[in-house]
Amino acid sequence: MDATEFFTKMKGQGRSPLKVVPRNAIIGGIGGFFAIGVLAMLTNWTSNLWIMAPFGASCVLAFGLWEAPLSQPRNIIGGHFISTFVGLALLHLFGQSMWVMATGVGLAIAMMMLTKTTHPPAGADPLVVIAAGSGWSFLLMPVLVGSVIIVLAALLINNLDHGRRYPTFWW
């Protein structure tokens, strides 16, 4: 491949295929509000932190792109679990450093792809746990429980609308 062909590929083709459907935007906003609201209330009611930044991005997928393969329960729960596990393992084996963070993200991507649990927001999980110096309990709470709550909220909110069906697959 020559340089011209390489750079020509970066131009893209056509326009965005995304459609603006106000009803879907409203449902997506309500879903994100509900899911993060539940996690915020749990944080206020207990002494535990139930929210992490990647959960906001998970809500975008679960409520805005609910039919996408990367938005399905297997991907939301499995992706967050696997990526956080990778980050915690590397943190506890090698400590906190930029190279550990870079390795964590790369390895998390590879592991999610190999296990068919790719979920883009979960790619940030190793950064979260390594930067914070998290303990192993972070894997259960907020990660596992929080991702299950997001999926439960997506099941409830998405299926209230007759035009939506969530999930498209579990396994």
N, C-alpha and C. Protein backbone atom coordinates (compact mmCIF):
# COMPACT_ATOMS: atom_id res chain seq x y z
N MET A 1 0.85 -1.17 0.00
CA MET A 1 0.00 0.00 0.00
C MET A 1 0.90 1.24 0.00
N ASP A 2 0.60 2.14 -0.92
CA ASP A 2 1.39 3.38 -0.95
C ASP A 2 0.76 4.43 -0.03
N ALA A 3 1.46 5.53 0.16
CA ALA A 3 1.02 6.57 1.09
C ALA A 3 -0.31 7.18 0.68
N THR A 4 -0.51 7.37 -0.62
CA THR A 4 -1.77 7.96 -1.10
C THR A 4 -2.96 7.08 -0.73
N GLU A 5 -2.82 5.79 -0.98
CA GLU A 5 -3.90 4.85 -0.65
C GLU A 5 -4.15 4.83 0.86
N PHE A 6 -3.07 4.86 1.63
CA PHE A 6 -3.17 4.87 3.09
C PHE A 6 -3.99 6.06 3.58
N PHE A 7 -3.65 7.26 3.10
CA PHE A 7 -4.34 8.47 3.55
C PHE A 7 -5.74 8.59 2.94
N THR A 8 -5.95 8.06 1.75
CA THR A 8 -7.27 8.08 1.12
C THR A 8 -8.28 7.30 1.96
N LYS A 9 -7.83 6.24 2.59
CA LYS A 9 -8.72 5.43 3.43
C LYS A 9 -9.26 6.24 4.61
N MET A 10 -8.57 7.30 4.99
CA MET A 10 -8.97 8.10 6.15
C MET A 10 -10.06 9.12 5.83
N LYS A 11 -10.41 9.28 4.55
CA LYS A 11 -11.44 10.24 4.17
C LYS A 11 -12.84 9.79 4.58
N GLY A 12 -13.05 8.51 4.71
CA GLY A 12 -14.38 8.01 5.01
C GLY A 12 -15.23 7.99 3.75
N GLN A 13 -16.45 7.48 3.91
CA GLN A 13 -17.35 7.39 2.76
C GLN A 13 -18.75 7.80 3.19
N GLY A 14 -19.31 8.73 2.48
CA GLY A 14 -20.71 9.08 2.72
C GLY A 14 -20.94 9.83 4.01
N ARG A 15 -22.20 9.72 4.47
CA ARG A 15 -22.64 10.41 5.67
C ARG A 15 -22.91 9.42 6.79
N SER A 16 -23.12 9.97 7.96
CA SER A 16 -23.42 9.14 9.13
C SER A 16 -24.72 8.37 8.90
N PRO A 17 -24.73 7.06 9.19
CA PRO A 17 -25.95 6.27 9.04
C PRO A 17 -26.90 6.42 10.23
N LEU A 18 -26.48 7.14 11.25
CA LEU A 18 -27.32 7.30 12.44
C LEU A 18 -28.54 8.13 12.12
N LYS A 19 -29.69 7.68 12.63
CA LYS A 19 -30.95 8.38 12.42
C LYS A 19 -31.37 9.07 13.71
N VAL A 20 -31.93 10.25 13.57
CA VAL A 20 -32.44 10.98 14.72
C VAL A 20 -33.91 10.61 14.90
N VAL A 21 -34.19 9.94 16.01
CA VAL A 21 -35.57 9.58 16.36
C VAL A 21 -35.81 10.16 17.76
N PRO A 22 -36.53 11.27 17.84
CA PRO A 22 -36.71 11.93 19.14
C PRO A 22 -37.23 10.99 20.23
N ARG A 23 -38.15 10.10 19.91
CA ARG A 23 -38.68 9.16 20.92
C ARG A 23 -37.56 8.30 21.51
N ASN A 24 -36.67 7.82 20.63
CA ASN A 24 -35.55 7.02 21.11
C ASN A 24 -34.59 7.84 21.96
N ALA A 25 -34.40 9.11 21.59
CA ALA A 25 -33.53 9.98 22.39
C ALA A 25 -34.12 10.20 23.78
N ILE A 26 -35.43 10.37 23.85
CA ILE A 26 -36.08 10.55 25.15
C ILE A 26 -35.97 9.29 26.00
N ILE A 27 -36.24 8.14 25.38
CA ILE A 27 -36.14 6.87 26.12
C ILE A 27 -34.70 6.63 26.57
N GLY A 28 -33.74 6.94 25.70
CA GLY A 28 -32.33 6.78 26.06
C GLY A 28 -31.95 7.66 27.24
N GLY A 29 -32.42 8.91 27.22
CA GLY A 29 -32.14 9.82 28.34
C GLY A 29 -32.76 9.34 29.64
N ILE A 30 -33.99 8.87 29.55
CA ILE A 30 -34.67 8.34 30.75
C ILE A 30 -33.93 7.12 31.27
N GLY A 31 -33.52 6.24 30.37
CA GLY A 31 -32.80 5.03 30.78
C GLY A 31 -31.49 5.34 31.48
N GLY A 32 -30.71 6.25 30.91
CA GLY A 32 -29.44 6.63 31.53
C GLY A 32 -29.66 7.28 32.89
N PHE A 33 -30.66 8.16 32.97
CA PHE A 33 -30.99 8.80 34.23
C PHE A 33 -31.38 7.77 35.28
N PHE A 34 -32.21 6.82 34.90
CA PHE A 34 -32.69 5.81 35.83
C PHE A 34 -31.54 4.92 36.33
N ALA A 35 -30.75 4.39 35.40
CA ALA A 35 -29.66 3.48 35.78
C ALA A 35 -28.63 4.17 36.69
N ILE A 36 -28.17 5.33 36.28
CA ILE A 36 -27.17 6.04 37.09
C ILE A 36 -27.81 6.56 38.37
N GLY A 37 -29.08 6.94 38.30
CA GLY A 37 -29.80 7.37 39.50
C GLY A 37 -29.88 6.29 40.56
N VAL A 38 -30.15 5.05 40.13
CA VAL A 38 -30.18 3.93 41.08
C VAL A 38 -28.80 3.74 41.71
N LEU A 39 -27.76 3.78 40.89
CA LEU A 39 -26.40 3.61 41.42
C LEU A 39 -26.03 4.77 42.35
N ALA A 40 -26.46 5.97 42.02
CA ALA A 40 -26.19 7.14 42.88
C ALA A 40 -26.92 7.00 44.22
N MET A 41 -28.18 6.54 44.18
CA MET A 41 -28.92 6.34 45.43
C MET A 41 -28.25 5.28 46.30
N LEU A 42 -27.79 4.20 45.68
CA LEU A 42 -27.09 3.17 46.45
C LEU A 42 -25.82 3.72 47.08
N THR A 43 -25.13 4.60 46.35
CA THR A 43 -23.93 5.23 46.90
C THR A 43 -24.28 6.09 48.12
N ASN A 44 -25.39 6.83 48.03
CA ASN A 44 -25.82 7.68 49.15
C ASN A 44 -26.32 6.87 50.34
N TRP A 45 -26.97 5.74 50.09
CA TRP A 45 -27.57 4.93 51.15
C TRP A 45 -26.58 4.02 51.85
N THR A 46 -25.45 3.73 51.21
CA THR A 46 -24.47 2.80 51.79
C THR A 46 -23.13 3.52 51.91
N SER A 47 -22.18 2.84 52.43
CA SER A 47 -20.83 3.41 52.55
C SER A 47 -19.96 3.01 51.36
N ASN A 48 -20.58 2.47 50.32
CA ASN A 48 -19.84 2.00 49.14
C ASN A 48 -20.01 2.93 47.96
N LEU A 49 -19.01 2.96 47.11
CA LEU A 49 -19.09 3.68 45.86
C LEU A 49 -19.66 2.73 44.80
N TRP A 50 -20.76 3.09 44.20
CA TRP A 50 -21.45 2.23 43.23
C TRP A 50 -21.29 2.73 41.80
N ILE A 51 -20.66 3.88 41.64
CA ILE A 51 -20.56 4.49 40.31
C ILE A 51 -19.09 4.58 39.90
N MET A 52 -18.86 4.33 38.62
CA MET A 52 -17.56 4.62 38.03
C MET A 52 -17.83 5.19 36.64
N ALA A 53 -16.95 6.02 36.15
CA ALA A 53 -17.16 6.75 34.90
C ALA A 53 -17.56 5.85 33.72
N PRO A 54 -16.94 4.69 33.52
CA PRO A 54 -17.33 3.87 32.37
C PRO A 54 -18.81 3.46 32.37
N PHE A 55 -19.47 3.49 33.52
CA PHE A 55 -20.89 3.14 33.54
C PHE A 55 -21.73 4.15 32.76
N GLY A 56 -21.34 5.40 32.74
CA GLY A 56 -22.06 6.39 31.93
C GLY A 56 -22.02 6.01 30.46
N ALA A 57 -20.86 5.60 30.00
CA ALA A 57 -20.71 5.18 28.60
C ALA A 57 -21.48 3.89 28.33
N SER A 58 -21.53 3.00 29.31
CA SER A 58 -22.32 1.77 29.15
C SER A 58 -23.80 2.11 28.96
N CYS A 59 -24.26 3.13 29.66
CA CYS A 59 -25.67 3.56 29.52
C CYS A 59 -25.94 4.09 28.11
N VAL A 60 -24.97 4.78 27.51
CA VAL A 60 -25.15 5.25 26.14
C VAL A 60 -25.44 4.06 25.23
N LEU A 61 -24.68 3.00 25.39
CA LEU A 61 -24.89 1.82 24.55
C LEU A 61 -26.18 1.09 24.91
N ALA A 62 -26.42 0.87 26.20
CA ALA A 62 -27.58 0.08 26.63
C ALA A 62 -28.90 0.75 26.27
N PHE A 63 -28.94 2.07 26.29
CA PHE A 63 -30.20 2.78 26.05
C PHE A 63 -30.24 3.50 24.70
N GLY A 64 -29.09 3.82 24.14
CA GLY A 64 -29.06 4.52 22.86
C GLY A 64 -28.84 3.61 21.67
N LEU A 65 -28.13 2.52 21.88
CA LEU A 65 -27.84 1.55 20.81
C LEU A 65 -28.16 0.14 21.32
N TRP A 66 -29.34 -0.03 21.87
CA TRP A 66 -29.74 -1.25 22.56
C TRP A 66 -29.68 -2.51 21.70
N GLU A 67 -29.75 -2.37 20.37
CA GLU A 67 -29.72 -3.55 19.50
C GLU A 67 -28.30 -3.97 19.12
N ALA A 68 -27.33 -3.12 19.36
CA ALA A 68 -25.96 -3.40 18.96
C ALA A 68 -25.39 -4.58 19.75
N PRO A 69 -24.60 -5.42 19.10
CA PRO A 69 -23.99 -6.55 19.81
C PRO A 69 -23.17 -6.14 21.04
N LEU A 70 -22.50 -4.99 20.98
CA LEU A 70 -21.66 -4.55 22.08
C LEU A 70 -22.47 -4.01 23.26
N SER A 71 -23.81 -3.92 23.08
CA SER A 71 -24.71 -3.39 24.11
C SER A 71 -25.46 -4.48 24.86
N GLN A 72 -25.22 -5.72 24.54
CA GLN A 72 -26.00 -6.81 25.12
C GLN A 72 -25.50 -7.18 26.52
N PRO A 73 -26.36 -7.82 27.31
CA PRO A 73 -25.99 -8.15 28.70
C PRO A 73 -24.66 -8.87 28.84
N ARG A 74 -24.41 -9.84 27.97
CA ARG A 74 -23.15 -10.58 28.02
C ARG A 74 -21.97 -9.63 27.90
N ASN A 75 -22.10 -8.63 27.02
CA ASN A 75 -21.01 -7.71 26.77
C ASN A 75 -20.86 -6.68 27.89
N ILE A 76 -21.98 -6.17 28.39
CA ILE A 76 -21.91 -5.18 29.46
C ILE A 76 -21.33 -5.81 30.72
N ILE A 77 -21.90 -6.92 31.16
CA ILE A 77 -21.45 -7.56 32.40
C ILE A 77 -20.09 -8.22 32.20
N GLY A 78 -19.97 -9.03 31.17
CA GLY A 78 -18.71 -9.74 30.92
C GLY A 78 -17.56 -8.82 30.60
N GLY A 79 -17.82 -7.79 29.79
CA GLY A 79 -16.75 -6.85 29.43
C GLY A 79 -16.21 -6.12 30.63
N HIS A 80 -17.12 -5.61 31.47
CA HIS A 80 -16.66 -4.91 32.67
C HIS A 80 -15.93 -5.86 33.62
N PHE A 81 -16.46 -7.06 33.79
CA PHE A 81 -15.83 -8.02 34.71
C PHE A 81 -14.42 -8.39 34.24
N ILE A 82 -14.30 -8.77 32.98
CA ILE A 82 -13.01 -9.20 32.45
C ILE A 82 -11.98 -8.06 32.47
N SER A 83 -12.40 -6.88 32.03
CA SER A 83 -11.46 -5.75 31.97
C SER A 83 -11.01 -5.32 33.35
N THR A 84 -11.94 -5.32 34.30
CA THR A 84 -11.57 -4.96 35.67
C THR A 84 -10.65 -6.02 36.27
N PHE A 85 -10.93 -7.28 36.02
CA PHE A 85 -10.07 -8.37 36.51
C PHE A 85 -8.66 -8.19 35.96
N VAL A 86 -8.54 -7.92 34.67
CA VAL A 86 -7.23 -7.71 34.05
C VAL A 86 -6.51 -6.55 34.74
N GLY A 87 -7.21 -5.44 34.92
CA GLY A 87 -6.59 -4.28 35.56
C GLY A 87 -6.14 -4.56 36.97
N LEU A 88 -7.00 -5.24 37.74
CA LEU A 88 -6.64 -5.57 39.13
C LEU A 88 -5.46 -6.53 39.19
N ALA A 89 -5.46 -7.53 38.32
CA ALA A 89 -4.36 -8.50 38.32
C ALA A 89 -3.03 -7.81 38.02
N LEU A 90 -3.04 -6.95 37.01
CA LEU A 90 -1.80 -6.25 36.66
C LEU A 90 -1.38 -5.28 37.77
N LEU A 91 -2.34 -4.59 38.34
CA LEU A 91 -2.03 -3.67 39.45
C LEU A 91 -1.37 -4.42 40.60
N HIS A 92 -1.93 -5.55 40.98
CA HIS A 92 -1.41 -6.27 42.14
C HIS A 92 -0.13 -7.05 41.83
N LEU A 93 0.11 -7.32 40.56
CA LEU A 93 1.36 -7.97 40.18
C LEU A 93 2.50 -6.97 39.95
N PHE A 94 2.18 -5.83 39.33
CA PHE A 94 3.22 -4.93 38.86
C PHE A 94 3.13 -3.49 39.39
N GLY A 95 2.09 -3.17 40.15
CA GLY A 95 1.97 -1.84 40.71
C GLY A 95 1.36 -0.84 39.74
N GLN A 96 1.48 0.43 40.12
CA GLN A 96 0.90 1.52 39.33
C GLN A 96 1.97 2.17 38.47
N SER A 97 1.77 2.12 37.19
CA SER A 97 2.65 2.85 36.27
C SER A 97 1.91 3.03 34.96
N MET A 98 2.41 3.92 34.14
CA MET A 98 1.80 4.15 32.83
C MET A 98 1.87 2.90 31.97
N TRP A 99 2.95 2.14 32.10
CA TRP A 99 3.10 0.93 31.29
C TRP A 99 2.12 -0.14 31.75
N VAL A 100 1.85 -0.20 33.02
CA VAL A 100 0.86 -1.16 33.52
C VAL A 100 -0.52 -0.76 33.00
N MET A 101 -0.81 0.54 32.99
CA MET A 101 -2.09 1.00 32.46
C MET A 101 -2.23 0.65 30.97
N ALA A 102 -1.19 0.93 30.21
CA ALA A 102 -1.23 0.64 28.77
C ALA A 102 -1.39 -0.86 28.53
N THR A 103 -0.66 -1.65 29.28
CA THR A 103 -0.78 -3.11 29.17
C THR A 103 -2.18 -3.56 29.55
N GLY A 104 -2.73 -2.96 30.60
CA GLY A 104 -4.07 -3.32 31.06
C GLY A 104 -5.13 -3.08 30.00
N VAL A 105 -5.08 -1.92 29.36
CA VAL A 105 -6.07 -1.63 28.32
C VAL A 105 -5.89 -2.57 27.13
N GLY A 106 -4.66 -2.75 26.69
CA GLY A 106 -4.41 -3.66 25.56
C GLY A 106 -4.84 -5.08 25.84
N LEU A 107 -4.49 -5.58 27.02
CA LEU A 107 -4.85 -6.94 27.38
C LEU A 107 -6.36 -7.08 27.59
N ALA A 108 -6.99 -6.06 28.15
CA ALA A 108 -8.45 -6.10 28.33
C ALA A 108 -9.16 -6.17 26.98
N ILE A 109 -8.69 -5.38 26.01
CA ILE A 109 -9.29 -5.44 24.67
C ILE A 109 -9.15 -6.84 24.10
N ALA A 110 -7.96 -7.40 24.17
CA ALA A 110 -7.73 -8.74 23.62
C ALA A 110 -8.60 -9.79 24.32
N MET A 111 -8.68 -9.72 25.63
CA MET A 111 -9.47 -10.71 26.38
C MET A 111 -10.97 -10.58 26.09
N MET A 112 -11.46 -9.34 25.97
CA MET A 112 -12.88 -9.17 25.63
C MET A 112 -13.15 -9.72 24.23
N MET A 113 -12.26 -9.48 23.30
CA MET A 113 -12.47 -9.98 21.94
C MET A 113 -12.45 -11.51 21.92
N LEU A 114 -11.52 -12.10 22.64
CA LEU A 114 -11.41 -13.57 22.67
C LEU A 114 -12.61 -14.24 23.35
N THR A 115 -13.25 -13.55 24.27
CA THR A 115 -14.38 -14.13 25.01
C THR A 115 -15.73 -13.65 24.47
N LYS A 116 -15.73 -12.90 23.39
CA LYS A 116 -16.95 -12.35 22.79
C LYS A 116 -17.74 -11.49 23.78
N THR A 117 -17.01 -10.72 24.58
CA THR A 117 -17.64 -9.82 25.55
C THR A 117 -17.19 -8.36 25.33
N THR A 118 -16.82 -8.01 24.11
CA THR A 118 -16.33 -6.68 23.84
C THR A 118 -17.38 -5.63 24.19
N HIS A 119 -16.98 -4.70 25.02
CA HIS A 119 -17.85 -3.60 25.45
C HIS A 119 -16.94 -2.38 25.59
N PRO A 120 -16.96 -1.45 24.62
CA PRO A 120 -16.00 -0.35 24.62
C PRO A 120 -15.83 0.41 25.94
N PRO A 121 -16.91 0.73 26.67
CA PRO A 121 -16.69 1.45 27.93
C PRO A 121 -15.81 0.68 28.92
N ALA A 122 -15.86 -0.64 28.85
CA ALA A 122 -15.06 -1.45 29.77
C ALA A 122 -13.57 -1.34 29.49
N GLY A 123 -13.19 -0.86 28.33
CA GLY A 123 -11.78 -0.65 28.04
C GLY A 123 -11.14 0.35 28.98
N ALA A 124 -11.95 1.18 29.62
CA ALA A 124 -11.42 2.16 30.58
C ALA A 124 -11.26 1.57 31.98
N ASP A 125 -11.84 0.43 32.24
CA ASP A 125 -11.80 -0.15 33.59
C ASP A 125 -10.39 -0.36 34.13
N PRO A 126 -9.45 -0.90 33.33
CA PRO A 126 -8.09 -1.02 33.88
C PRO A 126 -7.50 0.31 34.30
N LEU A 127 -7.80 1.38 33.56
CA LEU A 127 -7.31 2.70 33.93
C LEU A 127 -7.88 3.14 35.27
N VAL A 128 -9.17 2.87 35.46
CA VAL A 128 -9.86 3.26 36.70
C VAL A 128 -9.23 2.56 37.90
N VAL A 129 -9.09 1.23 37.80
CA VAL A 129 -8.62 0.48 38.98
C VAL A 129 -7.13 0.69 39.24
N ILE A 130 -6.35 0.83 38.18
CA ILE A 130 -4.91 1.02 38.37
C ILE A 130 -4.64 2.42 38.92
N ALA A 131 -5.29 3.43 38.36
CA ALA A 131 -5.08 4.80 38.85
C ALA A 131 -5.52 4.96 40.30
N ALA A 132 -6.59 4.27 40.67
CA ALA A 132 -7.12 4.40 42.04
C ALA A 132 -6.42 3.46 43.02
N GLY A 133 -5.66 2.50 42.51
CA GLY A 133 -5.04 1.51 43.40
C GLY A 133 -6.09 0.65 44.08
N SER A 134 -7.11 0.26 43.35
CA SER A 134 -8.26 -0.46 43.91
C SER A 134 -7.90 -1.84 44.43
N GLY A 135 -8.70 -2.29 45.38
CA GLY A 135 -8.58 -3.65 45.90
C GLY A 135 -9.47 -4.60 45.12
N TRP A 136 -9.32 -5.87 45.41
CA TRP A 136 -10.08 -6.90 44.69
C TRP A 136 -11.58 -6.78 44.89
N SER A 137 -12.01 -6.18 45.99
CA SER A 137 -13.45 -6.03 46.24
C SER A 137 -14.11 -5.14 45.18
N PHE A 138 -13.33 -4.31 44.50
CA PHE A 138 -13.87 -3.44 43.44
C PHE A 138 -14.48 -4.26 42.30
N LEU A 139 -13.97 -5.49 42.12
CA LEU A 139 -14.48 -6.38 41.08
C LEU A 139 -15.94 -6.74 41.32
N LEU A 140 -16.28 -6.95 42.59
CA LEU A 140 -17.67 -7.29 42.94
C LEU A 140 -18.53 -6.03 42.99
N MET A 141 -18.01 -5.03 43.72
CA MET A 141 -18.77 -3.81 43.90
C MET A 141 -17.82 -2.63 43.76
N PRO A 142 -17.97 -1.81 42.77
CA PRO A 142 -19.17 -1.57 42.01
C PRO A 142 -19.29 -2.32 40.69
N VAL A 143 -18.24 -2.99 40.22
CA VAL A 143 -18.21 -3.46 38.84
C VAL A 143 -19.29 -4.50 38.52
N LEU A 144 -19.26 -5.64 39.19
CA LEU A 144 -20.21 -6.69 38.85
C LEU A 144 -21.64 -6.28 39.19
N VAL A 145 -21.86 -5.83 40.40
CA VAL A 145 -23.21 -5.44 40.81
C VAL A 145 -23.69 -4.24 39.99
N GLY A 146 -22.85 -3.27 39.76
CA GLY A 146 -23.23 -2.09 38.99
C GLY A 146 -23.58 -2.43 37.55
N SER A 147 -22.81 -3.29 36.93
CA SER A 147 -23.11 -3.66 35.54
C SER A 147 -24.40 -4.48 35.46
N VAL A 148 -24.67 -5.30 36.47
CA VAL A 148 -25.94 -6.04 36.51
C VAL A 148 -27.11 -5.06 36.67
N ILE A 149 -26.94 -4.05 37.50
CA ILE A 149 -28.00 -3.04 37.67
C ILE A 149 -28.27 -2.30 36.36
N ILE A 150 -27.23 -1.96 35.62
CA ILE A 150 -27.42 -1.31 34.32
C ILE A 150 -28.20 -2.23 33.38
N VAL A 151 -27.85 -3.50 33.35
CA VAL A 151 -28.57 -4.45 32.49
C VAL A 151 -30.03 -4.59 32.93
N LEU A 152 -30.27 -4.67 34.23
CA LEU A 152 -31.65 -4.76 34.72
C LEU A 152 -32.45 -3.51 34.33
N ALA A 153 -31.83 -2.35 34.45
CA ALA A 153 -32.49 -1.10 34.04
C ALA A 153 -32.77 -1.12 32.54
N ALA A 154 -31.83 -1.62 31.76
CA ALA A 154 -32.02 -1.70 30.30
C ALA A 154 -33.15 -2.67 29.95
N LEU A 155 -33.22 -3.78 30.67
CA LEU A 155 -34.32 -4.72 30.44
C LEU A 155 -35.66 -4.05 30.71
N LEU A 156 -35.75 -3.31 31.79
CA LEU A 156 -36.99 -2.66 32.17
C LEU A 156 -37.35 -1.51 31.22
N ILE A 157 -36.47 -0.55 31.07
CA ILE A 157 -36.75 0.66 30.29
C ILE A 157 -36.91 0.34 28.81
N ASN A 158 -35.99 -0.40 28.23
CA ASN A 158 -36.06 -0.68 26.79
C ASN A 158 -37.31 -1.45 26.41
N ASN A 159 -37.72 -2.39 27.23
CA ASN A 159 -38.87 -3.22 26.88
C ASN A 159 -40.22 -2.59 27.21
N LEU A 160 -40.21 -1.42 27.86
CA LEU A 160 -41.46 -0.69 28.05
C LEU A 160 -41.98 -0.13 26.73
N ASP A 161 -41.08 0.12 25.80
CA ASP A 161 -41.46 0.65 24.49
C ASP A 161 -41.74 -0.53 23.54
N HIS A 162 -42.89 -0.50 22.88
CA HIS A 162 -43.25 -1.62 22.01
C HIS A 162 -42.32 -1.76 20.81
N GLY A 163 -41.60 -0.72 20.46
CA GLY A 163 -40.69 -0.77 19.32
C GLY A 163 -39.30 -1.28 19.64
N ARG A 164 -39.05 -1.56 20.90
CA ARG A 164 -37.72 -2.04 21.31
C ARG A 164 -37.83 -3.47 21.83
N ARG A 165 -36.76 -4.20 21.62
CA ARG A 165 -36.64 -5.54 22.18
C ARG A 165 -35.21 -5.66 22.71
N TYR A 166 -35.09 -5.88 24.01
CA TYR A 166 -33.76 -6.00 24.62
C TYR A 166 -33.79 -7.15 25.61
N PRO A 167 -32.86 -8.03 25.54
CA PRO A 167 -31.67 -8.07 24.67
C PRO A 167 -31.97 -8.77 23.35
N THR A 168 -31.02 -8.65 22.44
CA THR A 168 -31.12 -9.43 21.21
C THR A 168 -30.49 -10.81 21.42
N PHE A 169 -29.61 -10.93 22.40
CA PHE A 169 -29.06 -12.24 22.79
C PHE A 169 -28.51 -12.14 24.21
N TRP A 170 -28.43 -13.29 24.87
CA TRP A 170 -27.81 -13.38 26.19
C TRP A 170 -26.43 -13.98 26.11
N TRP A 171 -26.27 -15.03 25.36
CA TRP A 171 -24.99 -15.74 25.33
C TRP A 171 -24.47 -15.78 23.93
